[in-house]
C-alpha atoms as a PDB file:
ATOM      1  CA  MET A   1       8.194   8.981 -13.042  1.00  0.00           C
ATOM      2  CA  VAL A   2       6.150  11.244 -10.471  1.00  0.00           C
ATOM      3  CA  ASP A   3       7.848  12.478  -7.787  1.00  0.00           C
ATOM      4  CA  ARG A   4       5.675  11.609  -5.220  1.00  0.00           C
ATOM      5  CA  HIS A   5       6.796  13.980  -2.909  1.00  0.00           C
ATOM      6  CA  ARG A   6       6.364  17.169  -4.625  1.00  0.00           C
ATOM      7  CA  SER A   7       2.991  16.900  -6.046  1.00  0.00           C
ATOM      8  CA  VAL A   8      -1.038  17.708  -4.506  1.00  0.00           C
ATOM      9  CA  MET A   9      -4.074  17.341  -5.864  1.00  0.00           C
ATOM     10  CA  SER A  10      -8.036  17.619  -5.062  1.00  0.00           C
ATOM     11  CA  LEU A  11     -10.937  15.786  -6.031  1.00  0.00           C
ATOM     12  CA  VAL A  12     -14.638  16.054  -5.456  1.00  0.00           C
ATOM     13  CA  THR A  13     -17.145  13.995  -6.281  1.00  0.00           C
ATOM     14  CA  PRO A  14     -20.803  13.773  -5.608  1.00  0.00           C
ATOM     15  CA  ALA A  15     -22.736  11.009  -4.512  1.00  0.00           C
ATOM     16  CA  THR A  16     -26.500   9.448  -5.352  1.00  0.00           C
ATOM     17  CA  PRO A  17     -28.904   9.397  -2.560  1.00  0.00           C
ATOM     18  CA  GLU A  18     -28.384   5.547  -2.199  1.00  0.00           C
ATOM     19  CA  GLY A  19     -24.525   5.846  -1.353  1.00  0.00           C
ATOM     20  CA  ALA A  20     -23.080   5.088  -4.901  1.00  0.00           C
ATOM     21  CA  THR A  21     -20.635   7.575  -6.265  1.00  0.00           C
ATOM     22  CA  ARG A  22     -21.660   8.427  -9.674  1.00  0.00           C
ATOM     23  CA  ARG A  23     -21.465  11.763 -12.459  1.00  0.00           C
ATOM     24  CA  THR A  24     -24.819  12.813 -13.526  1.00  0.00           C
ATOM     25  CA  ALA A  25     -25.343  13.498 -17.699  1.00  0.00           C
ATOM     26  CA  GLY A  26     -22.961  15.636 -18.828  1.00  0.00           C
ATOM     27  CA  SER A  27     -21.443  17.112 -15.332  1.00  0.00           C
ATOM     28  CA  PRO A  28     -17.324  17.652 -16.609  1.00  0.00           C
ATOM     29  CA  PRO A  29     -14.919  15.709 -14.803  1.00  0.00           C
ATOM     30  CA  GLY A  30     -14.066  16.750 -11.056  1.00  0.00           C
ATOM     31  CA  PRO A  31     -11.411  19.566 -10.440  1.00  0.00           C
ATOM     32  CA  PHE A  32      -8.246  19.062 -10.195  1.00  0.00           C
ATOM     33  CA  VAL A  33      -5.852  21.675  -8.477  1.00  0.00           C
ATOM     34  CA  THR A  34      -2.066  21.223  -8.497  1.00  0.00           C
ATOM     35  CA  SER A  35       0.863  23.310  -6.532  1.00  0.00           C
ATOM     36  CA  PRO A  36       3.875  22.552  -5.800  1.00  0.00           C
ATOM     37  CA  LEU A  37       4.660  21.292  -2.004  1.00  0.00           C
ATOM     38  CA  GLN A  38       7.683  20.215  -0.411  1.00  0.00           C
ATOM     39  CA  MET A  39       8.568  17.180   0.655  1.00  0.00           C
ATOM     40  CA  PHE A  40       4.719  15.547   0.715  1.00  0.00           C
ATOM     41  CA  ARG A  41       2.179  14.408  -1.715  1.00  0.00           C
ATOM     42  CA  PHE A  42      -1.405  14.522  -0.424  1.00  0.00           C
ATOM     43  CA  ASN A  43      -5.050  13.866  -1.492  1.00  0.00           C
ATOM     44  CA  ASP A  44      -8.410  14.949  -0.182  1.00  0.00           C
ATOM     45  CA  ASN A  45     -11.948  13.748  -2.027  1.00  0.00           C
ATOM     46  CA  ILE A  46     -15.539  14.448  -0.275  1.00  0.00           C
ATOM     47  CA  VAL A  47     -18.772  13.320  -1.466  1.00  0.00           C
ATOM     48  CA  SER A  48     -22.292  14.516   0.034  1.00  0.00           C
ATOM     49  CA  ARG A  49     -25.576  14.284  -0.538  1.00  0.00           C
ATOM     50  CA  GLU A  50     -26.409  17.179  -2.664  1.00  0.00           C
ATOM     51  CA  SER A  51     -29.835  17.599  -4.442  1.00  0.00           C
ATOM     52  CA  THR A  52     -28.074  19.888  -7.114  1.00  0.00           C
ATOM     53  CA  ARG A  53     -25.467  17.414  -8.017  1.00  0.00           C
ATOM     54  CA  ARG A  54     -23.129  19.083  -8.889  1.00  0.00           C
ATOM     55  CA  TYR A  55     -19.013  19.879  -8.598  1.00  0.00           C
ATOM     56  CA  VAL A  56     -17.773  22.071  -6.142  1.00  0.00           C
ATOM     57  CA  PRO A  57     -14.405  23.383  -4.934  1.00  0.00           C
ATOM     58  CA  MET A  58     -12.874  21.552  -2.195  1.00  0.00           C
ATOM     59  CA  SER A  59     -12.979  24.289   0.022  1.00  0.00           C
ATOM     60  CA  SER A  60     -16.568  24.769  -0.114  1.00  0.00           C
ATOM     61  CA  ALA A  61     -19.372  23.721   2.696  1.00  0.00           C
ATOM     62  CA  MET A  62     -20.526  20.035   2.590  1.00  0.00           C
ATOM     63  CA  SER A  63     -23.481  18.997   4.157  1.00  0.00           C
ATOM     64  CA  THR A  64     -27.233  18.111   3.796  1.00  0.00           C
ATOM     65  CA  THR A  65     -30.374  17.399   4.560  1.00  0.00           C
ATOM     66  CA  ASN A  66     -22.243   3.534  17.774  1.00  0.00           C
ATOM     67  CA  PRO A  67     -16.300 -17.919  46.746  1.00  0.00           C
ATOM     68  CA  SER A  68     -15.882 -20.903  48.234  1.00  0.00           C
ATOM     69  CA  HIS A  69     -14.748 -22.061  51.051  1.00  0.00           C
ATOM     70  CA  ALA A  70     -10.605 -23.762  51.422  1.00  0.00           C
ATOM     71  CA  SER A  71     -10.474 -26.698  53.287  1.00  0.00           C
ATOM     72  CA  SER A  72      -7.870 -27.070  55.911  1.00  0.00           C
ATOM     73  CA  THR A  73      -6.669 -30.574  54.763  1.00  0.00           C
ATOM     74  CA  PRO A  74      -3.238 -30.781  53.784  1.00  0.00           C
ATOM     75  CA  GLU A  75      -4.277 -31.962  49.974  1.00  0.00           C
ATOM     76  CA  SER A  76      -6.416 -28.895  49.594  1.00  0.00           C
ATOM     77  CA  ARG A  77      -3.516 -26.655  50.951  1.00  0.00           C
ATOM     78  CA  VAL A  78      -1.281 -27.951  48.614  1.00  0.00           C
ATOM     79  CA  ALA A  79      -3.913 -27.552  45.697  1.00  0.00           C
ATOM     80  CA  THR A  80      -4.130 -23.904  46.900  1.00  0.00           C
ATOM     81  CA  ARG A  81      -0.583 -23.229  46.670  1.00  0.00           C
ATOM     82  CA  ARG A  82      -0.473 -24.690  42.812  1.00  0.00           C
ATOM     83  CA  SER A  83      -3.501 -22.709  41.945  1.00  0.00           C
ATOM     84  CA  ARG A  84      -1.115 -19.491  42.909  1.00  0.00           C
ATOM     85  CA  PRO A  85       1.235 -19.315  40.270  1.00  0.00           C
ATOM     86  CA  ALA A  86      -1.529 -20.229  37.519  1.00  0.00           C
ATOM     87  CA  LEU A  87      -3.377 -17.531  39.119  1.00  0.00           C
ATOM     88  CA  ILE A  88      -0.901 -14.621  39.732  1.00  0.00           C
ATOM     89  CA  ALA A  89       0.298 -16.117  35.513  1.00  0.00           C
ATOM     90  CA  VAL A  90      -3.590 -15.175  34.136  1.00  0.00           C
ATOM     91  CA  LEU A  91      -3.373 -11.979  36.581  1.00  0.00           C
ATOM     92  CA  THR A  92       0.299 -10.883  34.816  1.00  0.00           C
ATOM     93  CA  THR A  93      -1.095 -11.725  31.425  1.00  0.00           C
ATOM     94  CA  LEU A  94      -4.242  -9.834  31.644  1.00  0.00           C
ATOM     95  CA  LEU A  95      -2.159  -6.767  33.064  1.00  0.00           C
ATOM     96  CA  GLY A  96       0.514  -7.230  29.791  1.00  0.00           C
ATOM     97  CA  VAL A  97      -2.637  -7.173  27.382  1.00  0.00           C
ATOM     98  CA  ALA A  98      -4.345  -3.882  29.160  1.00  0.00           C
ATOM     99  CA  LEU A  99      -1.014  -2.084  29.081  1.00  0.00           C
ATOM    100  CA  THR A 100      -0.614  -2.996  25.461  1.00  0.00           C
ATOM    101  CA  ALA A 101      -4.225  -1.528  25.069  1.00  0.00           C
ATOM    102  CA  CYS A 102      -2.761   1.681  26.660  1.00  0.00           C
ATOM    103  CA  ARG A 103       0.123   2.078  24.492  1.00  0.00           C
ATOM    104  CA  PRO A 104      -0.590   4.785  21.969  1.00  0.00           C
ATOM    105  CA  THR A 105      -0.681   3.444  18.117  1.00  0.00           C
ATOM    106  CA  PRO A 106      -0.526   5.707  14.741  1.00  0.00           C
ATOM    107  CA  GLU A 107      -4.130   5.823  14.612  1.00  0.00           C
ATOM    108  CA  SER A 108      -4.698   6.917  18.062  1.00  0.00           C
ATOM    109  CA  THR A 109      -1.980   9.689  17.782  1.00  0.00           C
ATOM    110  CA  ASN A 110      -3.339  11.015  14.762  1.00  0.00           C
ATOM    111  CA  LEU A 111      -6.832  11.102  16.259  1.00  0.00           C
ATOM    112  CA  THR A 112      -5.626  13.316  18.656  1.00  0.00           C
ATOM    113  CA  ASP A 113      -3.606  15.624  16.373  1.00  0.00           C
ATOM    114  CA  LEU A 114      -7.212  15.861  14.382  1.00  0.00           C
ATOM    115  CA  ASN A 115      -9.537  17.057  17.616  1.00  0.00           C
ATOM    116  CA  GLU A 116      -6.812  19.600  18.657  1.00  0.00           C
ATOM    117  CA  VAL A 117      -7.184  21.276  15.571  1.00  0.00           C
ATOM    118  CA  ARG A 118     -10.964  20.873  15.514  1.00  0.00           C
ATOM    119  CA  VAL A 119     -10.675  22.360  19.803  1.00  0.00           C
ATOM    120  CA  ALA A 120      -8.948  24.912  18.458  1.00  0.00           C
ATOM    121  CA  THR A 121     -11.124  25.899  16.053  1.00  0.00           C
ATOM    122  CA  GLY A 122     -14.677  25.227  18.244  1.00  0.00           C
ATOM    123  CA  VAL A 123     -15.681  22.231  16.605  1.00  0.00           C
ATOM    124  CA  VAL A 124     -16.745  19.201  18.578  1.00  0.00           C
ATOM    125  CA  GLU A 125     -14.380  16.531  18.764  1.00  0.00           C
ATOM    126  CA  LEU A 126     -14.364  13.317  16.244  1.00  0.00           C
ATOM    127  CA  VAL A 127     -15.271   9.839  17.301  1.00  0.00           C
ATOM    128  CA  ARG A 128     -13.363   6.753  15.770  1.00  0.00           C
ATOM    129  CA  THR A 129     -15.681   3.973  14.619  1.00  0.00           C
ATOM    130  CA  PRO A 130     -13.847   0.301  14.041  1.00  0.00           C
ATOM    131  CA  GLU A 131     -15.922   0.635  10.163  1.00  0.00           C
ATOM    132  CA  LEU A 132     -14.458   3.873   9.456  1.00  0.00           C
ATOM    133  CA  ASP A 133     -11.117   2.365  10.919  1.00  0.00           C
ATOM    134  CA  ALA A 134     -11.414  -0.291   8.710  1.00  0.00           C
ATOM    135  CA  LYS A 135     -12.063   1.650   5.623  1.00  0.00           C
ATOM    136  CA  ALA A 136      -9.618   3.490   6.141  1.00  0.00           C
ATOM    137  CA  LYS A 137      -6.643   0.745   6.616  1.00  0.00           C
ATOM    138  CA  ALA A 138      -7.834  -1.056   3.471  1.00  0.00           C
ATOM    139  CA  GLN A 139      -7.359   1.921   1.325  1.00  0.00           C
ATOM    140  CA  ALA A 140      -3.768   2.753   3.208  1.00  0.00           C
ATOM    141  CA  ASP A 141      -2.796  -1.036   2.709  1.00  0.00           C
ATOM    142  CA  ARG A 142      -3.982  -0.755  -1.562  1.00  0.00           C
ATOM    143  CA  MET A 143      -2.048   2.867  -1.796  1.00  0.00           C
ATOM    144  CA  ALA A 144       1.055   1.283  -0.497  1.00  0.00           C
ATOM    145  CA  ARG A 145       0.707  -1.775  -2.531  1.00  0.00           C
ATOM    146  CA  ARG A 146       0.919   0.110  -5.594  1.00  0.00           C
ATOM    147  CA  GLY A 147       3.633   2.928  -3.815  1.00  0.00           C
ATOM    148  CA  THR A 148       0.911   6.078  -4.700  1.00  0.00           C
ATOM    149  CA  ILE A 149      -1.835   7.745  -3.178  1.00  0.00           C
ATOM    150  CA  PHE A 150      -5.427   7.670  -4.810  1.00  0.00           C
ATOM    151  CA  HIS A 151      -8.828   8.236  -3.286  1.00  0.00           C
ATOM    152  CA  SER A 152     -11.656   4.908  -2.885  1.00  0.00           C
ATOM    153  CA  SER A 153     -13.197   4.659  -6.134  1.00  0.00           C
ATOM    154  CA  ASN A 154     -16.359   4.768  -3.831  1.00  0.00           C
ATOM    155  CA  LEU A 155     -16.360   6.719  -1.056  1.00  0.00           C
ATOM    156  CA  ALA A 156     -19.884   5.340  -0.063  1.00  0.00           C
ATOM    157  CA  SER A 157     -18.580   1.747   0.075  1.00  0.00           C
ATOM    158  CA  GLY A 158     -18.144  -0.100   3.569  1.00  0.00           C
ATOM    159  CA  VAL A 159     -19.993   2.914   5.250  1.00  0.00           C
ATOM    160  CA  SER A 160     -23.340   1.851   6.627  1.00  0.00           C
ATOM    161  CA  ALA A 161     -26.236   3.650   5.638  1.00  0.00           C
ATOM    162  CA  GLY A 162     -27.559   6.778   7.524  1.00  0.00           C
ATOM    163  CA  TRP A 163     -24.870   8.696   6.628  1.00  0.00           C
ATOM    164  CA  SER A 164     -25.434  12.269   4.982  1.00  0.00           C
ATOM    165  CA  SER A 165     -21.874  12.943   3.947  1.00  0.00           C
ATOM    166  CA  ILE A 166     -18.652  11.514   3.428  1.00  0.00           C
ATOM    167  CA  GLY A 167     -15.137  13.088   3.597  1.00  0.00           C
ATOM    168  CA  GLU A 168     -11.682  11.560   2.826  1.00  0.00           C
ATOM    169  CA  ASN A 169      -8.092  12.954   3.066  1.00  0.00           C
ATOM    170  CA  VAL A 170      -4.713  10.383   1.940  1.00  0.00           C
ATOM    171  CA  ALA A 171      -1.179  11.380   2.225  1.00  0.00           C
ATOM    172  CA  LEU A 172       2.082   9.884   2.322  1.00  0.00           C
ATOM    173  CA  ALA A 173       5.376  11.461   3.965  1.00  0.00           C
ATOM    174  CA  GLY A 174       7.831  10.088   6.096  1.00  0.00           C
ATOM    175  CA  SER A 175       5.420   9.883   9.435  1.00  0.00           C
ATOM    176  CA  VAL A 176       1.437  10.216  10.359  1.00  0.00           C
ATOM    177  CA  ASP A 177       3.040  13.928  11.963  1.00  0.00           C
ATOM    178  CA  ASP A 178       4.503  14.742   8.811  1.00  0.00           C
ATOM    179  CA  ALA A 179       1.788  13.645   6.784  1.00  0.00           C
ATOM    180  CA  GLN A 180      -0.775  15.540   9.311  1.00  0.00           C
ATOM    181  CA  ARG A 181       1.253  19.043   9.347  1.00  0.00           C
ATOM    182  CA  ALA A 182       1.030  18.780   5.464  1.00  0.00           C
ATOM    183  CA  LEU A 183      -2.336  17.903   5.181  1.00  0.00           C
ATOM    184  CA  GLU A 184      -3.645  20.986   7.877  1.00  0.00           C
ATOM    185  CA  ALA A 185      -0.940  23.386   5.583  1.00  0.00           C
ATOM    186  CA  SER A 186      -3.522  22.373   2.404  1.00  0.00           C
ATOM    187  CA  PRO A 187      -6.905  24.305   2.814  1.00  0.00           C
ATOM    188  CA  GLY A 188      -9.113  21.607   1.300  1.00  0.00           C
ATOM    189  CA  HIS A 189      -7.315  18.989   3.869  1.00  0.00           C
ATOM    190  CA  TYR A 190      -8.236  21.420   6.913  1.00  0.00           C
ATOM    191  CA  ALA A 191     -11.637  22.106   5.490  1.00  0.00           C
ATOM    192  CA  ASN A 192     -12.431  18.379   5.914  1.00  0.00           C
ATOM    193  CA  MET A 193     -10.351  18.231   9.468  1.00  0.00           C
ATOM    194  CA  VAL A 194     -13.152  21.253  11.088  1.00  0.00           C
ATOM    195  CA  ASN A 195     -16.133  20.298   9.034  1.00  0.00           C
ATOM    196  CA  PRO A 196     -18.367  20.963  12.100  1.00  0.00           C
ATOM    197  CA  ALA A 197     -20.781  18.447  10.011  1.00  0.00           C
ATOM    198  CA  PHE A 198     -18.681  15.373  10.529  1.00  0.00           C
ATOM    199  CA  ASN A 199     -18.627  13.417  14.037  1.00  0.00           C
ATOM    200  CA  GLN A 200     -16.892  10.567  12.843  1.00  0.00           C
ATOM    201  CA  VAL A 201     -13.671   9.520  11.612  1.00  0.00           C
ATOM    202  CA  GLY A 202     -11.862   6.304  10.548  1.00  0.00           C
ATOM    203  CA  ILE A 203      -7.829   6.469  10.290  1.00  0.00           C
ATOM    204  CA  GLY A 204      -5.608   4.183   8.346  1.00  0.00           C
ATOM    205  CA  VAL A 205      -2.050   4.144   8.973  1.00  0.00           C
ATOM    206  CA  THR A 206       0.602   1.615   6.855  1.00  0.00           C
ATOM    207  CA  VAL A 207       3.944   1.520   6.656  1.00  0.00           C
ATOM    208  CA  ARG A 208       5.824   0.312   3.732  1.00  0.00           C
ATOM    209  CA  ASN A 209       9.693   0.402   2.165  1.00  0.00           C
ATOM    210  CA  GLY A 210      10.204   3.277   4.838  1.00  0.00           C
ATOM    211  CA  VAL A 211       7.271   5.238   3.276  1.00  0.00           C
ATOM    212  CA  THR A 212       3.821   6.072   5.788  1.00  0.00           C
ATOM    213  CA  TYR A 213       0.532   6.119   3.792  1.00  0.00           C
ATOM    214  CA  VAL A 214      -1.917   8.241   5.972  1.00  0.00           C
ATOM    215  CA  VAL A 215      -5.472   7.861   5.325  1.00  0.00           C
ATOM    216  CA  GLN A 216      -8.538  10.052   6.860  1.00  0.00           C
ATOM    217  CA  VAL A 217     -12.177   9.029   6.447  1.00  0.00           C
ATOM    218  CA  PHE A 218     -14.946  11.697   7.613  1.00  0.00           C
ATOM    219  CA  VAL A 219     -18.752  10.866   8.150  1.00  0.00           C
ATOM    220  CA  SER A 220     -21.514  12.967   9.152  1.00  0.00           C
ATOM    221  CA  ARG A 221     -24.377  10.804  10.755  1.00  0.00           C
END
């Protein structure tokens, strides 16, 4: 049985110009690096359109080249009075929606943490996109169903045209904060976070049976 709280691994794969991930003839499998890490397990992956189509270390650089007037009659006044509770109810409902939208989510909190790391190194902040969020969330859900972590089988799947490189960090831990700290402590994952080529990100968080699964998808456009 694999101790999912005590392992770390890294994988690098190239992508074809059309965005499909595949190995070239004669290429060896992507390198795996393992080392102990207390209480966390996580993984990172990155794919870029490199003309060499070669396997590279995870920490290597990765780059290439979205009014009416009210009447004074009693009837009208009664109608106006009756409409006020409805108006108040609508305004109250809308205010409740606005307050809910302002509450931080695990994903928005993780974005803040990611951008704090980038700003500290002089790199521009990442922008979350619905497209990448959906991709990250789908992967987090898949991992939660299996009870382990693994990379997307095709990093380019679900990413619209125009990207030049894609990276992925995946982790499981007791909380999003724990996962983030563990990822920052890993050179390969940290490299994805502060890579200046990346300008967009998607974040997915799923909690199942007390375990938090986190996926970060980075894209350069």
